[in-house]
N, C-alpha and C. Protein backbone atom coordinates (compact mmCIF):
# COMPACT_ATOMS: atom_id res chain seq x y z
N MET A 1 -87.30 -5.66 -20.85
CA MET A 1 -86.84 -4.33 -21.16
C MET A 1 -87.37 -3.94 -22.55
N THR A 2 -87.84 -2.73 -22.68
CA THR A 2 -88.40 -2.25 -23.94
C THR A 2 -87.31 -1.64 -24.81
N ASP A 3 -87.34 -1.97 -26.10
CA ASP A 3 -86.41 -1.36 -27.05
C ASP A 3 -86.82 0.09 -27.30
N ILE A 4 -85.81 0.92 -27.54
CA ILE A 4 -86.08 2.29 -27.95
C ILE A 4 -85.51 2.48 -29.34
N SER A 5 -86.05 3.45 -30.04
CA SER A 5 -85.57 3.72 -31.39
C SER A 5 -84.25 4.50 -31.32
N PHE A 6 -83.52 4.50 -32.42
CA PHE A 6 -82.29 5.28 -32.51
C PHE A 6 -82.61 6.76 -32.31
N LYS A 7 -83.75 7.18 -32.83
CA LYS A 7 -84.18 8.57 -32.67
C LYS A 7 -84.34 8.92 -31.18
N GLU A 8 -84.88 8.00 -30.40
CA GLU A 8 -85.01 8.21 -28.95
C GLU A 8 -83.63 8.27 -28.30
N PHE A 9 -82.72 7.38 -28.71
CA PHE A 9 -81.36 7.38 -28.17
C PHE A 9 -80.68 8.72 -28.43
N GLN A 10 -80.89 9.30 -29.60
CA GLN A 10 -80.26 10.55 -29.96
C GLN A 10 -80.71 11.71 -29.07
N LYS A 11 -81.82 11.56 -28.38
CA LYS A 11 -82.29 12.59 -27.48
C LYS A 11 -81.45 12.67 -26.20
N LEU A 12 -80.71 11.60 -25.90
CA LEU A 12 -79.89 11.58 -24.69
C LEU A 12 -78.65 12.45 -24.90
N ASP A 13 -78.35 13.29 -23.93
CA ASP A 13 -77.16 14.13 -23.98
C ASP A 13 -76.12 13.49 -23.05
N ILE A 14 -75.27 12.64 -23.64
CA ILE A 14 -74.25 11.90 -22.89
C ILE A 14 -72.90 12.48 -23.28
N ARG A 15 -72.15 12.94 -22.29
CA ARG A 15 -70.89 13.65 -22.56
C ARG A 15 -69.79 13.22 -21.59
N VAL A 16 -68.57 13.52 -22.00
CA VAL A 16 -67.41 13.32 -21.15
C VAL A 16 -67.25 14.56 -20.27
N GLY A 17 -67.09 14.32 -18.97
CA GLY A 17 -66.86 15.40 -18.03
C GLY A 17 -65.68 15.07 -17.14
N LYS A 18 -65.02 16.10 -16.65
CA LYS A 18 -63.87 15.94 -15.76
C LYS A 18 -64.26 16.39 -14.36
N ILE A 19 -64.10 15.52 -13.40
CA ILE A 19 -64.45 15.86 -12.02
C ILE A 19 -63.37 16.78 -11.46
N SER A 20 -63.78 18.00 -11.13
CA SER A 20 -62.82 18.97 -10.61
C SER A 20 -62.80 19.00 -9.09
N LYS A 21 -63.88 18.53 -8.45
CA LYS A 21 -63.93 18.56 -6.99
C LYS A 21 -64.88 17.48 -6.49
N VAL A 22 -64.49 16.84 -5.40
CA VAL A 22 -65.33 15.84 -4.73
C VAL A 22 -65.52 16.30 -3.29
N GLU A 23 -66.78 16.37 -2.87
CA GLU A 23 -67.09 16.78 -1.50
C GLU A 23 -67.90 15.69 -0.81
N GLU A 24 -67.58 15.45 0.45
CA GLU A 24 -68.38 14.51 1.25
C GLU A 24 -69.67 15.22 1.64
N ILE A 25 -70.74 14.47 1.70
CA ILE A 25 -72.02 15.02 2.11
C ILE A 25 -72.24 14.61 3.57
N PRO A 26 -72.35 15.59 4.47
CA PRO A 26 -72.53 15.26 5.89
C PRO A 26 -73.73 14.34 6.10
N LYS A 27 -73.56 13.40 6.99
CA LYS A 27 -74.60 12.43 7.39
C LYS A 27 -74.91 11.40 6.31
N SER A 28 -74.16 11.38 5.22
CA SER A 28 -74.38 10.37 4.19
C SER A 28 -73.25 9.35 4.22
N GLU A 29 -73.62 8.08 4.24
CA GLU A 29 -72.63 7.01 4.22
C GLU A 29 -72.18 6.65 2.82
N ASN A 30 -72.92 7.08 1.80
CA ASN A 30 -72.63 6.61 0.45
C ASN A 30 -72.48 7.70 -0.60
N LEU A 31 -72.91 8.93 -0.31
CA LEU A 31 -72.98 9.95 -1.36
C LEU A 31 -71.80 10.92 -1.36
N TYR A 32 -71.37 11.27 -2.56
CA TYR A 32 -70.43 12.37 -2.79
C TYR A 32 -71.14 13.43 -3.62
N LYS A 33 -70.74 14.67 -3.44
CA LYS A 33 -71.12 15.75 -4.35
C LYS A 33 -69.93 15.96 -5.28
N LEU A 34 -70.16 15.82 -6.57
CA LEU A 34 -69.12 15.97 -7.58
C LEU A 34 -69.34 17.27 -8.34
N ILE A 35 -68.29 18.06 -8.51
CA ILE A 35 -68.34 19.22 -9.38
C ILE A 35 -67.66 18.78 -10.68
N VAL A 36 -68.40 18.90 -11.78
CA VAL A 36 -67.94 18.32 -13.05
C VAL A 36 -67.82 19.41 -14.12
N ASP A 37 -66.69 19.43 -14.79
CA ASP A 37 -66.41 20.39 -15.87
C ASP A 37 -66.74 19.73 -17.21
N PHE A 38 -67.61 20.40 -17.98
CA PHE A 38 -67.97 19.92 -19.32
C PHE A 38 -67.44 20.86 -20.41
N GLY A 39 -66.47 21.69 -20.07
CA GLY A 39 -65.88 22.61 -21.04
C GLY A 39 -66.56 23.95 -21.05
N ASN A 40 -67.83 23.99 -21.47
CA ASN A 40 -68.56 25.26 -21.53
C ASN A 40 -69.41 25.52 -20.29
N GLU A 41 -69.47 24.55 -19.37
CA GLU A 41 -70.24 24.72 -18.15
C GLU A 41 -69.78 23.72 -17.09
N GLN A 42 -70.14 24.02 -15.85
CA GLN A 42 -69.91 23.09 -14.75
C GLN A 42 -71.25 22.70 -14.16
N ARG A 43 -71.35 21.46 -13.74
CA ARG A 43 -72.56 20.98 -13.08
C ARG A 43 -72.17 20.16 -11.86
N GLN A 44 -73.16 19.96 -10.99
CA GLN A 44 -72.90 19.09 -9.86
C GLN A 44 -73.71 17.81 -9.99
N ALA A 45 -73.09 16.72 -9.55
CA ALA A 45 -73.75 15.42 -9.54
C ALA A 45 -73.66 14.87 -8.12
N ILE A 46 -74.73 14.24 -7.68
CA ILE A 46 -74.73 13.54 -6.40
C ILE A 46 -74.66 12.06 -6.76
N ALA A 47 -73.60 11.40 -6.28
CA ALA A 47 -73.35 10.02 -6.71
C ALA A 47 -73.07 9.12 -5.52
N GLY A 48 -73.65 7.94 -5.53
CA GLY A 48 -73.48 6.95 -4.48
C GLY A 48 -72.23 6.12 -4.68
N LEU A 49 -71.08 6.75 -4.54
CA LEU A 49 -69.81 6.09 -4.84
C LEU A 49 -68.87 5.97 -3.64
N LYS A 50 -69.26 6.50 -2.51
CA LYS A 50 -68.35 6.62 -1.36
C LYS A 50 -67.80 5.27 -0.89
N LYS A 51 -68.59 4.22 -0.98
CA LYS A 51 -68.14 2.90 -0.52
C LYS A 51 -67.22 2.23 -1.53
N HIS A 52 -67.11 2.81 -2.73
CA HIS A 52 -66.35 2.16 -3.81
C HIS A 52 -65.14 2.96 -4.28
N TYR A 53 -65.16 4.28 -4.08
CA TYR A 53 -64.09 5.15 -4.57
C TYR A 53 -63.74 6.20 -3.53
N THR A 54 -62.46 6.58 -3.48
CA THR A 54 -62.04 7.70 -2.63
C THR A 54 -62.11 8.97 -3.47
N PRO A 55 -62.11 10.14 -2.84
CA PRO A 55 -62.07 11.38 -3.62
C PRO A 55 -60.86 11.42 -4.57
N GLN A 56 -59.73 10.88 -4.13
CA GLN A 56 -58.52 10.88 -4.96
C GLN A 56 -58.68 9.99 -6.21
N ASP A 57 -59.52 8.96 -6.11
CA ASP A 57 -59.81 8.11 -7.27
C ASP A 57 -60.57 8.87 -8.35
N LEU A 58 -61.29 9.92 -7.96
CA LEU A 58 -62.22 10.61 -8.86
C LEU A 58 -61.72 11.98 -9.34
N GLU A 59 -61.15 12.76 -8.44
CA GLU A 59 -60.75 14.13 -8.79
C GLU A 59 -59.73 14.17 -9.92
N GLY A 60 -60.00 15.05 -10.89
CA GLY A 60 -59.08 15.25 -12.00
C GLY A 60 -59.21 14.23 -13.11
N LYS A 61 -60.17 13.32 -12.98
CA LYS A 61 -60.33 12.26 -13.99
C LYS A 61 -61.61 12.48 -14.80
N LYS A 62 -61.59 11.93 -16.01
CA LYS A 62 -62.72 12.06 -16.93
C LYS A 62 -63.59 10.81 -16.89
N PHE A 63 -64.90 11.05 -16.88
CA PHE A 63 -65.88 9.97 -16.86
C PHE A 63 -67.03 10.35 -17.78
N VAL A 64 -67.97 9.44 -17.96
CA VAL A 64 -69.12 9.66 -18.83
C VAL A 64 -70.35 10.00 -17.98
N PHE A 65 -71.06 11.05 -18.40
CA PHE A 65 -72.24 11.55 -17.67
C PHE A 65 -73.40 11.73 -18.62
N ILE A 66 -74.61 11.62 -18.09
CA ILE A 66 -75.79 12.01 -18.85
C ILE A 66 -76.26 13.35 -18.29
N LEU A 67 -76.49 14.31 -19.20
CA LEU A 67 -76.79 15.68 -18.76
C LEU A 67 -78.27 16.03 -18.79
N ASN A 68 -79.08 15.36 -19.58
CA ASN A 68 -80.46 15.82 -19.72
C ASN A 68 -81.50 14.93 -19.02
N LEU A 69 -81.13 14.40 -17.86
CA LEU A 69 -82.13 13.78 -16.99
C LEU A 69 -82.79 14.87 -16.17
N GLU A 70 -83.98 14.60 -15.67
CA GLU A 70 -84.62 15.55 -14.76
C GLU A 70 -83.71 15.76 -13.57
N LYS A 71 -83.56 17.01 -13.14
CA LYS A 71 -82.78 17.29 -11.95
C LYS A 71 -83.51 16.70 -10.74
N ARG A 72 -82.72 16.29 -9.77
CA ARG A 72 -83.31 15.59 -8.63
C ARG A 72 -82.52 15.94 -7.37
N LYS A 73 -83.20 16.00 -6.24
CA LYS A 73 -82.52 16.30 -4.98
C LYS A 73 -82.29 15.02 -4.20
N LEU A 74 -81.05 14.89 -3.72
CA LEU A 74 -80.67 13.80 -2.84
C LEU A 74 -80.06 14.42 -1.59
N MET A 75 -80.58 14.07 -0.43
CA MET A 75 -80.14 14.67 0.84
C MET A 75 -80.21 16.19 0.78
N GLY A 76 -81.21 16.70 0.05
CA GLY A 76 -81.44 18.14 -0.04
C GLY A 76 -80.54 18.88 -1.01
N ILE A 77 -79.70 18.15 -1.78
CA ILE A 77 -78.77 18.78 -2.72
C ILE A 77 -79.16 18.37 -4.14
N GLU A 78 -79.25 19.37 -5.03
CA GLU A 78 -79.68 19.10 -6.40
C GLU A 78 -78.57 18.40 -7.21
N SER A 79 -78.96 17.32 -7.88
CA SER A 79 -78.08 16.64 -8.82
C SER A 79 -78.48 17.09 -10.22
N GLN A 80 -77.52 17.62 -10.97
CA GLN A 80 -77.79 18.22 -12.28
C GLN A 80 -77.32 17.36 -13.44
N CYS A 81 -76.72 16.23 -13.14
CA CYS A 81 -76.28 15.28 -14.15
C CYS A 81 -76.04 13.96 -13.43
N MET A 82 -75.75 12.91 -14.19
CA MET A 82 -75.55 11.60 -13.57
C MET A 82 -74.35 10.91 -14.18
N ILE A 83 -73.45 10.45 -13.31
CA ILE A 83 -72.30 9.69 -13.77
C ILE A 83 -72.79 8.28 -14.14
N LEU A 84 -72.23 7.72 -15.21
CA LEU A 84 -72.64 6.39 -15.65
C LEU A 84 -71.68 5.34 -15.11
N ALA A 85 -72.25 4.25 -14.61
CA ALA A 85 -71.45 3.17 -14.05
C ALA A 85 -72.13 1.84 -14.32
N ALA A 86 -71.33 0.80 -14.28
CA ALA A 86 -71.85 -0.57 -14.38
C ALA A 86 -71.82 -1.17 -12.98
N VAL A 87 -72.80 -2.02 -12.69
CA VAL A 87 -72.84 -2.72 -11.41
C VAL A 87 -73.13 -4.19 -11.68
N ASP A 88 -72.37 -5.06 -11.01
CA ASP A 88 -72.58 -6.49 -11.23
C ASP A 88 -73.48 -7.07 -10.14
N GLN A 89 -73.73 -8.35 -10.21
CA GLN A 89 -74.64 -9.01 -9.27
C GLN A 89 -74.12 -9.01 -7.83
N LYS A 90 -72.81 -8.81 -7.66
CA LYS A 90 -72.22 -8.77 -6.32
C LYS A 90 -72.22 -7.35 -5.75
N GLY A 91 -72.66 -6.38 -6.54
CA GLY A 91 -72.69 -4.99 -6.08
C GLY A 91 -71.41 -4.22 -6.36
N ASN A 92 -70.49 -4.82 -7.11
CA ASN A 92 -69.28 -4.11 -7.51
C ASN A 92 -69.64 -3.05 -8.54
N ILE A 93 -68.98 -1.89 -8.44
CA ILE A 93 -69.27 -0.78 -9.34
C ILE A 93 -68.02 -0.40 -10.12
N ALA A 94 -68.21 -0.14 -11.43
CA ALA A 94 -67.13 0.36 -12.28
C ALA A 94 -67.68 1.56 -13.04
N ILE A 95 -67.07 2.73 -12.83
CA ILE A 95 -67.51 3.94 -13.51
C ILE A 95 -67.05 3.89 -14.96
N ILE A 96 -67.90 4.36 -15.87
CA ILE A 96 -67.59 4.35 -17.29
C ILE A 96 -66.66 5.51 -17.62
N ARG A 97 -65.55 5.19 -18.28
CA ARG A 97 -64.53 6.18 -18.65
C ARG A 97 -64.20 6.07 -20.13
N PRO A 98 -63.76 7.17 -20.75
CA PRO A 98 -63.26 7.07 -22.12
C PRO A 98 -62.01 6.19 -22.12
N GLU A 99 -61.82 5.39 -23.16
CA GLU A 99 -60.67 4.49 -23.20
C GLU A 99 -59.37 5.19 -23.57
N LYS A 100 -59.46 6.41 -24.09
CA LYS A 100 -58.26 7.23 -24.30
C LYS A 100 -58.64 8.68 -24.05
N ASP A 101 -57.64 9.54 -23.96
CA ASP A 101 -57.88 10.94 -23.63
C ASP A 101 -58.69 11.63 -24.73
N ILE A 102 -59.68 12.37 -24.30
CA ILE A 102 -60.55 13.12 -25.23
C ILE A 102 -61.01 14.38 -24.50
N GLU A 103 -61.33 15.41 -25.25
CA GLU A 103 -61.72 16.69 -24.64
C GLU A 103 -62.96 16.57 -23.78
N VAL A 104 -62.97 17.35 -22.67
CA VAL A 104 -64.18 17.42 -21.86
C VAL A 104 -65.30 18.01 -22.73
N GLY A 105 -66.50 17.55 -22.49
CA GLY A 105 -67.64 18.01 -23.26
C GLY A 105 -67.90 17.18 -24.51
N SER A 106 -66.98 16.28 -24.85
CA SER A 106 -67.19 15.44 -26.04
C SER A 106 -68.46 14.63 -25.88
N LYS A 107 -69.26 14.59 -26.95
CA LYS A 107 -70.55 13.91 -26.94
C LYS A 107 -70.38 12.44 -27.26
N ILE A 108 -71.11 11.61 -26.54
CA ILE A 108 -71.15 10.16 -26.80
C ILE A 108 -72.20 9.95 -27.89
N VAL A 109 -71.79 9.32 -28.98
CA VAL A 109 -72.71 9.11 -30.12
C VAL A 109 -72.83 7.64 -30.45
């Protein structure tokens, strides 16, 4: 893995967002469409979380997202941000969350 400079890290727009809605994507076994509130805007994320989380596990909760990745289409639906998660060697997934309550839109520094 290549090291990046702190200046490069600062280019990443990583923020806290609150999932306001979770939708199932027809014909997908793994993907959800997430509507995420960042305070001054809402974006949608397409996330492969269906096998690990229910909509009730996600809706109304705050997680960490990266906002300035290239937009990408999955199953024909545009993903405008990406939820951050850790995955272990067994394929277990844990979504990254703030450890205490903080405003939506807060920047990760």
